[in-house]
Structure formats: structure tokens, C-alpha cells
């Protein structure tokens, strides 16, 4: 359960991106993998909010280029 003043921090998935690029390079497969990771991240945030989290912070991915 979450208290009204809890802040939930969620990492933005940098490991998913690094793993995808190291596995398949820059390719359509990488794009699909990263897109799926983004969709999964969104689903996780929805689950947290549904479970009562009122303040969710997503730590974005830093510039890798």
C-alpha cells in the first residue's frame, strides 16, 4: 500500500536499451525491443497508480549519443 505522501521512483529502462543495442546493434529488432520495454514501463506505472501510488516519478534515460 502507498501513503498519500509516498513518492515512487521508477527507472527509465536504460539497461533494456543497452542490452538491445549490444545484442542486435542499431536495427529494427532493437527498435521493437525498446518499444516493447517502453510499453512495459507504461504498464508498470499504471499498475502502481491503480495500486494507490499518487506520486510517481520516472527517471528518464540519459543521452547515449
PDB file of N, CA and C in Angstrom:
ATOM      1  N   UNK A   1       0.842  -1.190   0.000  1.00  0.00           N
ATOM      2  CA  UNK A   1       0.000   0.000   0.000  1.00  0.00           C
ATOM      3  C   UNK A   1       0.880   1.243   0.000  1.00  0.00           C
ATOM      4  N   UNK A   2       0.296   2.324  -0.446  1.00  0.00           N
ATOM      5  CA  UNK A   2       1.018   3.585  -0.536  1.00  0.00           C
ATOM      6  C   UNK A   2       0.342   4.623   0.344  1.00  0.00           C
ATOM      7  N   UNK A   3       1.146   5.411   1.044  1.00  0.00           N
ATOM      8  CA  UNK A   3       0.624   6.538   1.808  1.00  0.00           C
ATOM      9  C   UNK A   3       0.416   7.712   0.855  1.00  0.00           C
ATOM     10  N   UNK A   4      -0.401   8.669   1.281  1.00  0.00           N
ATOM     11  CA  UNK A   4      -0.693   9.834   0.443  1.00  0.00           C
ATOM     12  C   UNK A   4       0.555  10.630   0.075  1.00  0.00           C
ATOM     13  N   UNK A   5       1.577  10.586   0.930  1.00  0.00           N
ATOM     14  CA  UNK A   5       2.774  11.387   0.666  1.00  0.00           C
ATOM     15  C   UNK A   5       3.957  10.560   0.147  1.00  0.00           C
ATOM     16  N   UNK A   6       3.733   9.298  -0.209  1.00  0.00           N
ATOM     17  CA  UNK A   6       4.800   8.475  -0.782  1.00  0.00           C
ATOM     18  C   UNK A   6       5.153   8.954  -2.187  1.00  0.00           C
ATOM     19  N   UNK A   7       6.430   8.891  -2.509  1.00  0.00           N
ATOM     20  CA  UNK A   7       6.905   9.159  -3.865  1.00  0.00           C
ATOM     21  C   UNK A   7       7.533   7.864  -4.375  1.00  0.00           C
ATOM     22  N   UNK A   8       7.047   7.385  -5.502  1.00  0.00           N
ATOM     23  CA  UNK A   8       7.551   6.152  -6.096  1.00  0.00           C
ATOM     24  C   UNK A   8       8.482   6.528  -7.246  1.00  0.00           C
ATOM     25  N   UNK A   9       9.719   6.052  -7.183  1.00  0.00           N
ATOM     26  CA  UNK A   9      10.705   6.330  -8.236  1.00  0.00           C
ATOM     27  C   UNK A   9      10.859   5.091  -9.112  1.00  0.00           C
ATOM     28  N   UNK A  10      10.788   5.279 -10.425  1.00  0.00           N
ATOM     29  CA  UNK A  10      10.903   4.175 -11.371  1.00  0.00           C
ATOM     30  C   UNK A  10      11.995   4.520 -12.374  1.00  0.00           C
ATOM     31  N   UNK A  11      12.925   3.594 -12.575  1.00  0.00           N
ATOM     32  CA  UNK A  11      13.985   3.794 -13.555  1.00  0.00           C
ATOM     33  C   UNK A  11      13.443   3.695 -14.976  1.00  0.00           C
ATOM     34  N   UNK A  12      14.040   4.456 -15.884  1.00  0.00           N
ATOM     35  CA  UNK A  12      13.529   4.563 -17.241  1.00  0.00           C
ATOM     36  C   UNK A  12      13.947   3.478 -18.220  1.00  0.00           C
ATOM     37  N   UNK A  13      14.627   2.453 -17.806  1.00  0.00           N
ATOM     38  CA  UNK A  13      14.900   1.336 -18.692  1.00  0.00           C
ATOM     39  C   UNK A  13      16.202   1.386 -19.475  1.00  0.00           C
ATOM     40  N   UNK A  14      17.222   2.056 -18.945  1.00  0.00           N
ATOM     41  CA  UNK A  14      18.492   2.149 -19.662  1.00  0.00           C
ATOM     42  C   UNK A  14      19.090   0.768 -19.919  1.00  0.00           C
ATOM     43  N   UNK A  15      18.948  -0.155 -18.985  1.00  0.00           N
ATOM     44  CA  UNK A  15      19.507  -1.499 -19.167  1.00  0.00           C
ATOM     45  C   UNK A  15      18.852  -2.207 -20.349  1.00  0.00           C
ATOM     46  N   UNK A  16      17.550  -1.999 -20.538  1.00  0.00           N
ATOM     47  CA  UNK A  16      16.857  -2.606 -21.680  1.00  0.00           C
ATOM     48  C   UNK A  16      17.432  -2.098 -22.997  1.00  0.00           C
ATOM     49  N   UNK A  17      17.702  -0.808 -23.059  1.00  0.00           N
ATOM     50  CA  UNK A  17      18.232  -0.210 -24.288  1.00  0.00           C
ATOM     51  C   UNK A  17      19.658  -0.693 -24.554  1.00  0.00           C
ATOM     52  N   UNK A  18      20.503  -0.659 -23.541  1.00  0.00           N
ATOM     53  CA  UNK A  18      21.893  -1.101 -23.707  1.00  0.00           C
ATOM     54  C   UNK A  18      21.936  -2.568 -24.128  1.00  0.00           C
ATOM     55  N   UNK A  19      21.122  -3.399 -23.495  1.00  0.00           N
ATOM     56  CA  UNK A  19      21.090  -4.822 -23.838  1.00  0.00           C
ATOM     57  C   UNK A  19      20.620  -5.030 -25.275  1.00  0.00           C
ATOM     58  N   UNK A  20      19.577  -4.314 -25.680  1.00  0.00           N
ATOM     59  CA  UNK A  20      19.061  -4.463 -27.047  1.00  0.00           C
ATOM     60  C   UNK A  20      20.104  -4.060 -28.082  1.00  0.00           C
ATOM     61  N   UNK A  21      20.788  -2.949 -27.849  1.00  0.00           N
ATOM     62  CA  UNK A  21      21.798  -2.484 -28.804  1.00  0.00           C
ATOM     63  C   UNK A  21      22.989  -3.437 -28.840  1.00  0.00           C
ATOM     64  N   UNK A  22      23.402  -3.933 -27.676  1.00  0.00           N
ATOM     65  CA  UNK A  22      24.558  -4.835 -27.662  1.00  0.00           C
ATOM     66  C   UNK A  22      24.222  -6.188 -28.290  1.00  0.00           C
ATOM     67  N   UNK A  23      22.944  -6.558 -28.276  1.00  0.00           N
ATOM     68  CA  UNK A  23      22.529  -7.839 -28.848  1.00  0.00           C
ATOM     69  C   UNK A  23      22.351  -7.763 -30.358  1.00  0.00           C
ATOM     70  N   UNK A  24      21.658  -6.721 -30.833  1.00  0.00           N
ATOM     71  CA  UNK A  24      21.307  -6.670 -32.260  1.00  0.00           C
ATOM     72  C   UNK A  24      21.832  -5.436 -32.983  1.00  0.00           C
ATOM     73  N   UNK A  25      22.599  -4.586 -32.294  1.00  0.00           N
ATOM     74  CA  UNK A  25      23.066  -3.356 -32.923  1.00  0.00           C
ATOM     75  C   UNK A  25      21.893  -2.415 -33.149  1.00  0.00           C
ATOM     76  N   UNK A  26      22.104  -1.417 -33.966  1.00  0.00           N
ATOM     77  CA  UNK A  26      21.027  -0.493 -34.300  1.00  0.00           C
ATOM     78  C   UNK A  26      20.254  -1.122 -35.459  1.00  0.00           C
ATOM     79  N   UNK A  27      19.052  -1.590 -35.162  1.00  0.00           N
ATOM     80  CA  UNK A  27      18.276  -2.309 -36.169  1.00  0.00           C
ATOM     81  C   UNK A  27      16.792  -2.185 -35.857  1.00  0.00           C
ATOM     82  N   UNK A  28      15.980  -2.707 -36.748  1.00  0.00           N
ATOM     83  CA  UNK A  28      14.536  -2.711 -36.492  1.00  0.00           C
ATOM     84  C   UNK A  28      14.209  -3.609 -35.301  1.00  0.00           C
ATOM     85  N   UNK A  29      15.002  -4.666 -35.083  1.00  0.00           N
ATOM     86  CA  UNK A  29      14.792  -5.516 -33.904  1.00  0.00           C
ATOM     87  C   UNK A  29      15.036  -4.730 -32.623  1.00  0.00           C
ATOM     88  N   UNK A  30      16.073  -3.901 -32.626  1.00  0.00           N
ATOM     89  CA  UNK A  30      16.360  -3.061 -31.462  1.00  0.00           C
ATOM     90  C   UNK A  30      15.214  -2.096 -31.209  1.00  0.00           C
ATOM     91  N   UNK A  31      14.729  -1.474 -32.270  1.00  0.00           N
ATOM     92  CA  UNK A  31      13.608  -0.544 -32.130  1.00  0.00           C
ATOM     93  C   UNK A  31      12.397  -1.249 -31.541  1.00  0.00           C
ATOM     94  N   UNK A  32      12.104  -2.450 -32.005  1.00  0.00           N
ATOM     95  CA  UNK A  32      10.962  -3.209 -31.490  1.00  0.00           C
ATOM     96  C   UNK A  32      11.157  -3.572 -30.021  1.00  0.00           C
ATOM     97  N   UNK A  33      12.368  -3.968 -29.658  1.00  0.00           N
ATOM     98  CA  UNK A  33      12.657  -4.330 -28.267  1.00  0.00           C
ATOM     99  C   UNK A  33      12.520  -3.127 -27.343  1.00  0.00           C
ATOM    100  N   UNK A  34      13.064  -1.998 -27.764  1.00  0.00           N
ATOM    101  CA  UNK A  34      12.990  -0.781 -26.949  1.00  0.00           C
ATOM    102  C   UNK A  34      11.546  -0.295 -26.855  1.00  0.00           C
ATOM    103  N   UNK A  35      10.804  -0.401 -27.931  1.00  0.00           N
ATOM    104  CA  UNK A  35       9.389  -0.023 -27.909  1.00  0.00           C
ATOM    105  C   UNK A  35       8.608  -0.897 -26.929  1.00  0.00           C
ATOM    106  N   UNK A  36       8.883  -2.192 -26.942  1.00  0.00           N
ATOM    107  CA  UNK A  36       8.218  -3.107 -26.008  1.00  0.00           C
ATOM    108  C   UNK A  36       8.585  -2.774 -24.565  1.00  0.00           C
ATOM    109  N   UNK A  37       9.837  -2.401 -24.333  1.00  0.00           N
ATOM    110  CA  UNK A  37      10.260  -2.014 -22.983  1.00  0.00           C
ATOM    111  C   UNK A  37       9.524  -0.758 -22.530  1.00  0.00           C
ATOM    112  N   UNK A  38       9.339   0.193 -23.437  1.00  0.00           N
ATOM    113  CA  UNK A  38       8.589   1.408 -23.111  1.00  0.00           C
ATOM    114  C   UNK A  38       7.141   1.107 -22.787  1.00  0.00           C
ATOM    115  N   UNK A  39       6.542   0.203 -23.545  1.00  0.00           N
ATOM    116  CA  UNK A  39       5.161  -0.207 -23.280  1.00  0.00           C
ATOM    117  C   UNK A  39       5.058  -0.883 -21.918  1.00  0.00           C
ATOM    118  N   UNK A  40       6.028  -1.741 -21.603  1.00  0.00           N
ATOM    119  CA  UNK A  40       6.040  -2.419 -20.302  1.00  0.00           C
ATOM    120  C   UNK A  40       6.213  -1.418 -19.163  1.00  0.00           C
ATOM    121  N   UNK A  41       7.050  -0.404 -19.371  1.00  0.00           N
ATOM    122  CA  UNK A  41       7.240   0.638 -18.361  1.00  0.00           C
ATOM    123  C   UNK A  41       5.925   1.373 -18.110  1.00  0.00           C
ATOM    124  N   UNK A  42       5.228   1.726 -19.173  1.00  0.00           N
ATOM    125  CA  UNK A  42       3.932   2.387 -19.031  1.00  0.00           C
ATOM    126  C   UNK A  42       2.932   1.527 -18.282  1.00  0.00           C
ATOM    127  N   UNK A  43       2.921   0.234 -18.577  1.00  0.00           N
ATOM    128  CA  UNK A  43       2.014  -0.688 -17.890  1.00  0.00           C
ATOM    129  C   UNK A  43       2.347  -0.768 -16.402  1.00  0.00           C
ATOM    130  N   UNK A  44       3.638  -0.773 -16.087  1.00  0.00           N
ATOM    131  CA  UNK A  44       4.037  -0.820 -14.676  1.00  0.00           C
ATOM    132  C   UNK A  44       3.593   0.436 -13.938  1.00  0.00           C
ATOM    133  N   UNK A  45       3.732   1.586 -14.561  1.00  0.00           N
ATOM    134  CA  UNK A  45       3.288   2.834 -13.935  1.00  0.00           C
ATOM    135  C   UNK A  45       1.779   2.788 -13.707  1.00  0.00           C
ATOM    136  N   UNK A  46       1.034   2.283 -14.683  1.00  0.00           N
ATOM    137  CA  UNK A  46      -0.423   2.155 -14.498  1.00  0.00           C
ATOM    138  C   UNK A  46      -0.745   1.241 -13.324  1.00  0.00           C
ATOM    139  N   UNK A  47      -0.013   0.127 -13.181  1.00  0.00           N
ATOM    140  CA  UNK A  47      -0.245  -0.779 -12.047  1.00  0.00           C
ATOM    141  C   UNK A  47       0.026  -0.074 -10.719  1.00  0.00           C
ATOM    142  N   UNK A  48       1.093   0.711 -10.667  1.00  0.00           N
ATOM    143  CA  UNK A  48       1.407   1.443  -9.437  1.00  0.00           C
ATOM    144  C   UNK A  48       0.299   2.428  -9.081  1.00  0.00           C
ATOM    145  N   UNK A  49      -0.183   3.161 -10.073  1.00  0.00           N
ATOM    146  CA  UNK A  49      -1.250   4.139  -9.828  1.00  0.00           C
ATOM    147  C   UNK A  49      -2.531   3.422  -9.419  1.00  0.00           C
ATOM    148  N   UNK A  50      -2.847   2.324 -10.075  1.00  0.00           N
ATOM    149  CA  UNK A  50      -4.033   1.544  -9.715  1.00  0.00           C
ATOM    150  C   UNK A  50      -3.921   1.012  -8.288  1.00  0.00           C
ATOM    151  N   UNK A  51      -2.699   0.705  -7.866  1.00  0.00           N
ATOM    152  CA  UNK A  51      -2.470   0.202  -6.511  1.00  0.00           C
ATOM    153  C   UNK A  51      -2.475   1.310  -5.466  1.00  0.00           C
ATOM    154  N   UNK A  52      -2.610   2.570  -5.907  1.00  0.00           N
ATOM    155  CA  UNK A  52      -2.728   3.665  -4.955  1.00  0.00           C
ATOM    156  C   UNK A  52      -1.606   4.676  -4.937  1.00  0.00           C
ATOM    157  N   UNK A  53      -0.581   4.473  -5.755  1.00  0.00           N
ATOM    158  CA  UNK A  53       0.510   5.455  -5.796  1.00  0.00           C
ATOM    159  C   UNK A  53      -0.016   6.758  -6.394  1.00  0.00           C
ATOM    160  N   UNK A  54       0.179   7.856  -5.671  1.00  0.00           N
ATOM    161  CA  UNK A  54      -0.305   9.153  -6.143  1.00  0.00           C
ATOM    162  C   UNK A  54       0.801   9.995  -6.769  1.00  0.00           C
ATOM    163  N   UNK A  55       2.034   9.692  -6.424  1.00  0.00           N
ATOM    164  CA  UNK A  55       3.169  10.483  -6.915  1.00  0.00           C
ATOM    165  C   UNK A  55       4.208   9.517  -7.484  1.00  0.00           C
ATOM    166  N   UNK A  56       4.273   9.436  -8.806  1.00  0.00           N
ATOM    167  CA  UNK A  56       5.200   8.525  -9.472  1.00  0.00           C
ATOM    168  C   UNK A  56       6.164   9.356 -10.318  1.00  0.00           C
ATOM    169  N   UNK A  57       7.455   9.143 -10.113  1.00  0.00           N
ATOM    170  CA  UNK A  57       8.494   9.850 -10.864  1.00  0.00           C
ATOM    171  C   UNK A  57       9.219   8.829 -11.732  1.00  0.00           C
ATOM    172  N   UNK A  58       9.288   9.113 -13.026  1.00  0.00           N
ATOM    173  CA  UNK A  58      10.019   8.252 -13.949  1.00  0.00           C
ATOM    174  C   UNK A  58      11.367   8.910 -14.233  1.00  0.00           C
ATOM    175  N   UNK A  59      12.451   8.210 -13.904  1.00  0.00           N
ATOM    176  CA  UNK A  59      13.793   8.716 -14.197  1.00  0.00           C
ATOM    177  C   UNK A  59      14.097   8.364 -15.642  1.00  0.00           C
ATOM    178  N   UNK A  60      14.196   9.362 -16.488  1.00  0.00           N
ATOM    179  CA  UNK A  60      14.403   9.148 -17.914  1.00  0.00           C
ATOM    180  C   UNK A  60      15.782   8.610 -18.234  1.00  0.00           C
ATOM    181  N   UNK A  61      15.912   8.159 -19.451  1.00  0.00           N
ATOM    182  CA  UNK A  61      17.174   7.636 -19.945  1.00  0.00           C
ATOM    183  C   UNK A  61      18.049   8.805 -20.383  1.00  0.00           C
ATOM    184  N   UNK A  62      19.305   8.789 -19.992  1.00  0.00           N
ATOM    185  CA  UNK A  62      20.214   9.861 -20.371  1.00  0.00           C
ATOM    186  C   UNK A  62      20.633   9.701 -21.829  1.00  0.00           C
ATOM    187  N   UNK A  63      21.160  10.749 -22.395  1.00  0.00           N
ATOM    188  CA  UNK A  63      21.566  10.775 -23.794  1.00  0.00           C
ATOM    189  C   UNK A  63      22.759   9.853 -24.009  1.00  0.00           C
ATOM    190  N   UNK A  64      22.558   8.809 -24.777  1.00  0.00           N
ATOM    191  CA  UNK A  64      23.624   7.848 -25.044  1.00  0.00           C
ATOM    192  C   UNK A  64      24.449   8.202 -26.269  1.00  0.00           C
ATOM    193  N   UNK A  65      24.016   9.219 -27.009  1.00  0.00           N
ATOM    194  CA  UNK A  65      24.689   9.533 -28.269  1.00  0.00           C
ATOM    195  C   UNK A  65      25.522  10.720 -28.148  1.00  0.00           C
TER     196      UNK A  65
END
